[in-house]
C-alpha atoms as a PDB file:
ATOM      1  CA  UNK A   1     -21.793  -4.341   1.331  1.00  0.00           C
ATOM      2  CA  UNK A   2     -18.407  -3.795   3.010  1.00  0.00           C
ATOM      3  CA  UNK A   3     -17.155  -0.316   3.870  1.00  0.00           C
ATOM      4  CA  UNK A   4     -15.058   1.304   1.138  1.00  0.00           C
ATOM      5  CA  UNK A   5     -12.243   3.587   2.299  1.00  0.00           C
ATOM      6  CA  UNK A   6     -10.678   6.326   0.179  1.00  0.00           C
ATOM      7  CA  UNK A   7      -7.470   7.893   1.465  1.00  0.00           C
ATOM      8  CA  UNK A   8      -4.642   9.866  -0.108  1.00  0.00           C
ATOM      9  CA  UNK A   9      -1.740   7.846  -1.520  1.00  0.00           C
ATOM     10  CA  UNK A  10       1.482   7.392   0.403  1.00  0.00           C
ATOM     11  CA  UNK A  11       3.448   9.691  -1.901  1.00  0.00           C
ATOM     12  CA  UNK A  12       2.275  12.707   0.083  1.00  0.00           C
ATOM     13  CA  UNK A  13       4.725  11.921   2.888  1.00  0.00           C
ATOM     14  CA  UNK A  14       7.256  13.900   0.814  1.00  0.00           C
ATOM     15  CA  UNK A  15       5.516  17.090   1.897  1.00  0.00           C
ATOM     16  CA  UNK A  16       6.569  16.304   5.454  1.00  0.00           C
ATOM     17  CA  UNK A  17      10.187  16.027   4.299  1.00  0.00           C
ATOM     18  CA  UNK A  18       9.911  19.351   2.478  1.00  0.00           C
ATOM     19  CA  UNK A  19       8.468  20.969   5.593  1.00  0.00           C
ATOM     20  CA  UNK A  20      11.360  19.784   7.782  1.00  0.00           C
ATOM     21  CA  UNK A  21      13.977  20.927   5.253  1.00  0.00           C
ATOM     22  CA  UNK A  22      12.458  24.422   4.928  1.00  0.00           C
ATOM     23  CA  UNK A  23      12.285  24.877   8.704  1.00  0.00           C
ATOM     24  CA  UNK A  24      15.886  23.692   9.112  1.00  0.00           C
ATOM     25  CA  UNK A  25      16.996  26.201   6.464  1.00  0.00           C
ATOM     26  CA  UNK A  26      15.197  29.025   8.287  1.00  0.00           C
ATOM     27  CA  UNK A  27      16.914  28.059  11.558  1.00  0.00           C
ATOM     28  CA  UNK A  28      20.346  28.056   9.890  1.00  0.00           C
ATOM     29  CA  UNK A  29      19.742  31.539   8.489  1.00  0.00           C
ATOM     30  CA  UNK A  30      18.540  32.790  11.869  1.00  0.00           C
ATOM     31  CA  UNK A  31      21.666  31.442  13.595  1.00  0.00           C
ATOM     32  CA  UNK A  32      23.874  33.048  10.948  1.00  0.00           C
ATOM     33  CA  UNK A  33      22.250  36.418  11.691  1.00  0.00           C
ATOM     34  CA  UNK A  34      22.774  35.969  15.441  1.00  0.00           C
ATOM     35  CA  UNK A  35      26.507  35.342  14.990  1.00  0.00           C
ATOM     36  CA  UNK A  36      26.960  38.845  13.660  1.00  0.00           C
ATOM     37  CA  UNK A  37      29.738  40.047  11.392  1.00  0.00           C
ATOM     38  CA  UNK A  38      27.329  40.793   8.554  1.00  0.00           C
ATOM     39  CA  UNK A  39      26.151  44.113   7.214  1.00  0.00           C
ATOM     40  CA  UNK A  40      22.631  45.377   7.825  1.00  0.00           C
ATOM     41  CA  UNK A  41      21.815  44.704   4.168  1.00  0.00           C
ATOM     42  CA  UNK A  42      22.985  41.069   4.467  1.00  0.00           C
ATOM     43  CA  UNK A  43      20.966  40.584   7.668  1.00  0.00           C
ATOM     44  CA  UNK A  44      17.828  42.001   6.045  1.00  0.00           C
ATOM     45  CA  UNK A  45      18.292  39.581   3.140  1.00  0.00           C
ATOM     46  CA  UNK A  46      18.810  36.641   5.537  1.00  0.00           C
ATOM     47  CA  UNK A  47      15.736  37.598   7.573  1.00  0.00           C
ATOM     48  CA  UNK A  48      13.589  37.825   4.437  1.00  0.00           C
ATOM     49  CA  UNK A  49      14.959  34.536   3.145  1.00  0.00           C
ATOM     50  CA  UNK A  50      14.295  32.847   6.518  1.00  0.00           C
ATOM     51  CA  UNK A  51      10.711  34.185   6.484  1.00  0.00           C
ATOM     52  CA  UNK A  52      10.170  32.719   3.005  1.00  0.00           C
ATOM     53  CA  UNK A  53      11.543  29.363   4.200  1.00  0.00           C
ATOM     54  CA  UNK A  54       9.204  29.432   7.209  1.00  0.00           C
ATOM     55  CA  UNK A  55       6.265  30.112   4.885  1.00  0.00           C
ATOM     56  CA  UNK A  56       7.241  27.237   2.602  1.00  0.00           C
ATOM     57  CA  UNK A  57       7.638  24.945   5.589  1.00  0.00           C
ATOM     58  CA  UNK A  58       4.236  25.916   6.960  1.00  0.00           C
ATOM     59  CA  UNK A  59       2.583  25.401   3.556  1.00  0.00           C
ATOM     60  CA  UNK A  60       4.189  21.973   3.128  1.00  0.00           C
ATOM     61  CA  UNK A  61       3.148  21.023   6.661  1.00  0.00           C
ATOM     62  CA  UNK A  62      -0.432  22.111   5.942  1.00  0.00           C
ATOM     63  CA  UNK A  63      -0.585  19.950   2.804  1.00  0.00           C
ATOM     64  CA  UNK A  64       0.789  17.008   4.751  1.00  0.00           C
ATOM     65  CA  UNK A  65      -1.841  17.466   7.469  1.00  0.00           C
ATOM     66  CA  UNK A  66      -4.630  17.752   4.875  1.00  0.00           C
ATOM     67  CA  UNK A  67      -3.423  14.472   3.429  1.00  0.00           C
ATOM     68  CA  UNK A  68      -4.915  12.830   6.500  1.00  0.00           C
ATOM     69  CA  UNK A  69      -8.425  13.211   4.994  1.00  0.00           C
ATOM     70  CA  UNK A  70     -10.307   9.911   4.749  1.00  0.00           C
ATOM     71  CA  UNK A  71     -13.658   9.174   3.061  1.00  0.00           C
ATOM     72  CA  UNK A  72     -15.542   6.031   4.133  1.00  0.00           C
ATOM     73  CA  UNK A  73     -18.520   4.895   2.099  1.00  0.00           C
ATOM     74  CA  UNK A  74     -20.943   2.732   4.071  1.00  0.00           C
ATOM     75  CA  UNK A  75     -24.235   1.163   2.958  1.00  0.00           C
ATOM     76  CA  UNK A  76     -26.333   4.215   3.813  1.00  0.00           C
ATOM     77  CA  UNK A  77     -23.933   7.066   4.571  1.00  0.00           C
ATOM     78  CA  UNK A  78     -20.555   8.693   3.965  1.00  0.00           C
ATOM     79  CA  UNK A  79     -18.092   9.503   6.755  1.00  0.00           C
ATOM     80  CA  UNK A  80     -15.477  12.207   6.148  1.00  0.00           C
ATOM     81  CA  UNK A  81     -12.587  12.539   8.605  1.00  0.00           C
ATOM     82  CA  UNK A  82     -10.158  15.442   8.351  1.00  0.00           C
ATOM     83  CA  UNK A  83      -7.485  16.488  10.851  1.00  0.00           C
ATOM     84  CA  UNK A  84      -9.900  19.107  12.233  1.00  0.00           C
ATOM     85  CA  UNK A  85     -13.333  17.489  11.978  1.00  0.00           C
ATOM     86  CA  UNK A  86     -15.461  14.452  11.316  1.00  0.00           C
ATOM     87  CA  UNK A  87     -18.725  14.534   9.395  1.00  0.00           C
ATOM     88  CA  UNK A  88     -21.340  11.954   8.487  1.00  0.00           C
ATOM     89  CA  UNK A  89     -23.748  12.430   5.552  1.00  0.00           C
ATOM     90  CA  UNK A  90     -26.633  10.092   4.707  1.00  0.00           C
ATOM     91  CA  UNK A  91     -26.867   9.368   0.973  1.00  0.00           C
ATOM     92  CA  UNK A  92     -30.631   9.963   1.104  1.00  0.00           C
ATOM     93  CA  UNK A  93     -30.016  13.542   2.315  1.00  0.00           C
ATOM     94  CA  UNK A  94     -27.767  14.463  -0.642  1.00  0.00           C
ATOM     95  CA  UNK A  95     -29.687  16.735  -3.013  1.00  0.00           C
ATOM     96  CA  UNK A  96     -26.973  17.686  -5.501  1.00  0.00           C
ATOM     97  CA  UNK A  97     -23.425  16.841  -6.578  1.00  0.00           C
ATOM     98  CA  UNK A  98     -21.883  19.538  -8.749  1.00  0.00           C
ATOM     99  CA  UNK A  99     -18.502  20.058 -10.369  1.00  0.00           C
ATOM    100  CA  UNK A 100     -17.282  23.412  -9.071  1.00  0.00           C
ATOM    101  CA  UNK A 101     -14.339  23.799 -11.474  1.00  0.00           C
ATOM    102  CA  UNK A 102     -10.605  23.083 -11.130  1.00  0.00           C
ATOM    103  CA  UNK A 103     -11.142  19.500  -9.900  1.00  0.00           C
ATOM    104  CA  UNK A 104     -13.376  20.692  -7.051  1.00  0.00           C
ATOM    105  CA  UNK A 105     -16.822  19.207  -6.354  1.00  0.00           C
ATOM    106  CA  UNK A 106     -19.637  20.416  -4.148  1.00  0.00           C
ATOM    107  CA  UNK A 107     -21.957  17.964  -2.404  1.00  0.00           C
ATOM    108  CA  UNK A 108     -25.135  19.595  -1.148  1.00  0.00           C
ATOM    109  CA  UNK A 109     -27.217  17.781   1.458  1.00  0.00           C
ATOM    110  CA  UNK A 110     -29.960  18.585   3.923  1.00  0.00           C
ATOM    111  CA  UNK A 111     -28.152  20.696   6.509  1.00  0.00           C
ATOM    112  CA  UNK A 112     -24.990  21.682   4.673  1.00  0.00           C
ATOM    113  CA  UNK A 113     -22.450  21.430   1.910  1.00  0.00           C
ATOM    114  CA  UNK A 114     -19.336  19.319   1.600  1.00  0.00           C
ATOM    115  CA  UNK A 115     -16.507  20.224  -0.756  1.00  0.00           C
ATOM    116  CA  UNK A 116     -14.258  17.530  -2.211  1.00  0.00           C
ATOM    117  CA  UNK A 117     -10.990  18.744  -3.703  1.00  0.00           C
ATOM    118  CA  UNK A 118      -7.707  17.047  -4.517  1.00  0.00           C
ATOM    119  CA  UNK A 119      -5.166  16.812  -1.747  1.00  0.00           C
ATOM    120  CA  UNK A 120      -2.481  17.746  -4.299  1.00  0.00           C
ATOM    121  CA  UNK A 121      -1.739  17.887  -8.028  1.00  0.00           C
ATOM    122  CA  UNK A 122       1.052  16.346 -10.024  1.00  0.00           C
ATOM    123  CA  UNK A 123       2.588  18.884 -12.394  1.00  0.00           C
ATOM    124  CA  UNK A 124       4.883  18.254 -15.336  1.00  0.00           C
ATOM    125  CA  UNK A 125       5.408  21.194 -17.630  1.00  0.00           C
ATOM    126  CA  UNK A 126       1.955  22.457 -18.571  1.00  0.00           C
ATOM    127  CA  UNK A 127       0.193  19.271 -17.538  1.00  0.00           C
ATOM    128  CA  UNK A 128      -1.510  19.307 -14.145  1.00  0.00           C
ATOM    129  CA  UNK A 129      -3.512  16.351 -12.841  1.00  0.00           C
ATOM    130  CA  UNK A 130      -5.099  15.705  -9.433  1.00  0.00           C
ATOM    131  CA  UNK A 131      -3.505  13.050  -7.253  1.00  0.00           C
ATOM    132  CA  UNK A 132      -5.771  10.013  -7.018  1.00  0.00           C
ATOM    133  CA  UNK A 133      -6.854   7.945  -4.037  1.00  0.00           C
ATOM    134  CA  UNK A 134      -6.095   4.635  -2.444  1.00  0.00           C
ATOM    135  CA  UNK A 135      -9.422   2.766  -2.513  1.00  0.00           C
ATOM    136  CA  UNK A 136      -9.184  -0.113  -0.055  1.00  0.00           C
ATOM    137  CA  UNK A 137      -5.453  -0.261  -0.803  1.00  0.00           C
ATOM    138  CA  UNK A 138      -5.693   0.005  -4.603  1.00  0.00           C
ATOM    139  CA  UNK A 139      -4.677   3.186  -6.425  1.00  0.00           C
ATOM    140  CA  UNK A 140      -7.598   4.751  -8.333  1.00  0.00           C
ATOM    141  CA  UNK A 141      -8.227   8.042 -10.185  1.00  0.00           C
ATOM    142  CA  UNK A 142      -9.354  11.109  -8.246  1.00  0.00           C
ATOM    143  CA  UNK A 143     -12.866  11.178  -9.748  1.00  0.00           C
ATOM    144  CA  UNK A 144     -13.650   7.573  -8.795  1.00  0.00           C
ATOM    145  CA  UNK A 145     -14.679   8.679  -5.277  1.00  0.00           C
ATOM    146  CA  UNK A 146     -17.197  11.092  -6.791  1.00  0.00           C
ATOM    147  CA  UNK A 147     -18.479   8.553  -9.312  1.00  0.00           C
ATOM    148  CA  UNK A 148     -19.045   6.008  -6.548  1.00  0.00           C
ATOM    149  CA  UNK A 149     -20.661   8.595  -4.285  1.00  0.00           C
ATOM    150  CA  UNK A 150     -22.911   9.648  -7.177  1.00  0.00           C
ATOM    151  CA  UNK A 151     -24.017   6.033  -7.644  1.00  0.00           C
ATOM    152  CA  UNK A 152     -24.772   5.616  -3.922  1.00  0.00           C
ATOM    153  CA  UNK A 153     -26.857   8.808  -3.913  1.00  0.00           C
ATOM    154  CA  UNK A 154     -28.628   8.024  -7.190  1.00  0.00           C
ATOM    155  CA  UNK A 155     -27.631  11.444  -8.581  1.00  0.00           C
ATOM    156  CA  UNK A 156     -25.735  12.579 -11.663  1.00  0.00           C
ATOM    157  CA  UNK A 157     -22.748  14.888 -11.226  1.00  0.00           C
ATOM    158  CA  UNK A 158     -23.802  18.265 -12.630  1.00  0.00           C
ATOM    159  CA  UNK A 159     -21.231  20.166 -14.718  1.00  0.00           C
ATOM    160  CA  UNK A 160     -19.814  23.467 -13.502  1.00  0.00           C
END
């Protein structure tokens, strides 16, 4: 059986754009403070606003980096690559797959636990859905990775 690769969809590159815009805004506010001519109250407001922009930029950058998570399903094991680590789990060592609430799933195996959560959610009004995956280049729902992993392990996904 060929290797199946799950990766986040390309739409997450927009987080990188948001990160750059927030950091640029913080720089502009910092330069405006350095020019002088403003009251102490105005400078405090600009500093606070710049700090908020830096926080937004850092958060957007973090989401963009997390989007580099890739799951590869092989014949006998799963490889998970994140920006900070790489892990390999044999299907035979998986003892439990459990829904952990809010679109999060816990995979317990001999020697550890792996958590699968959405890279991001799409929100429109009160509707919030997890962003799906690209499975070998084809867009699929978020839970398809877990359903396929469940089938490889011969386990049912337990409810939360």
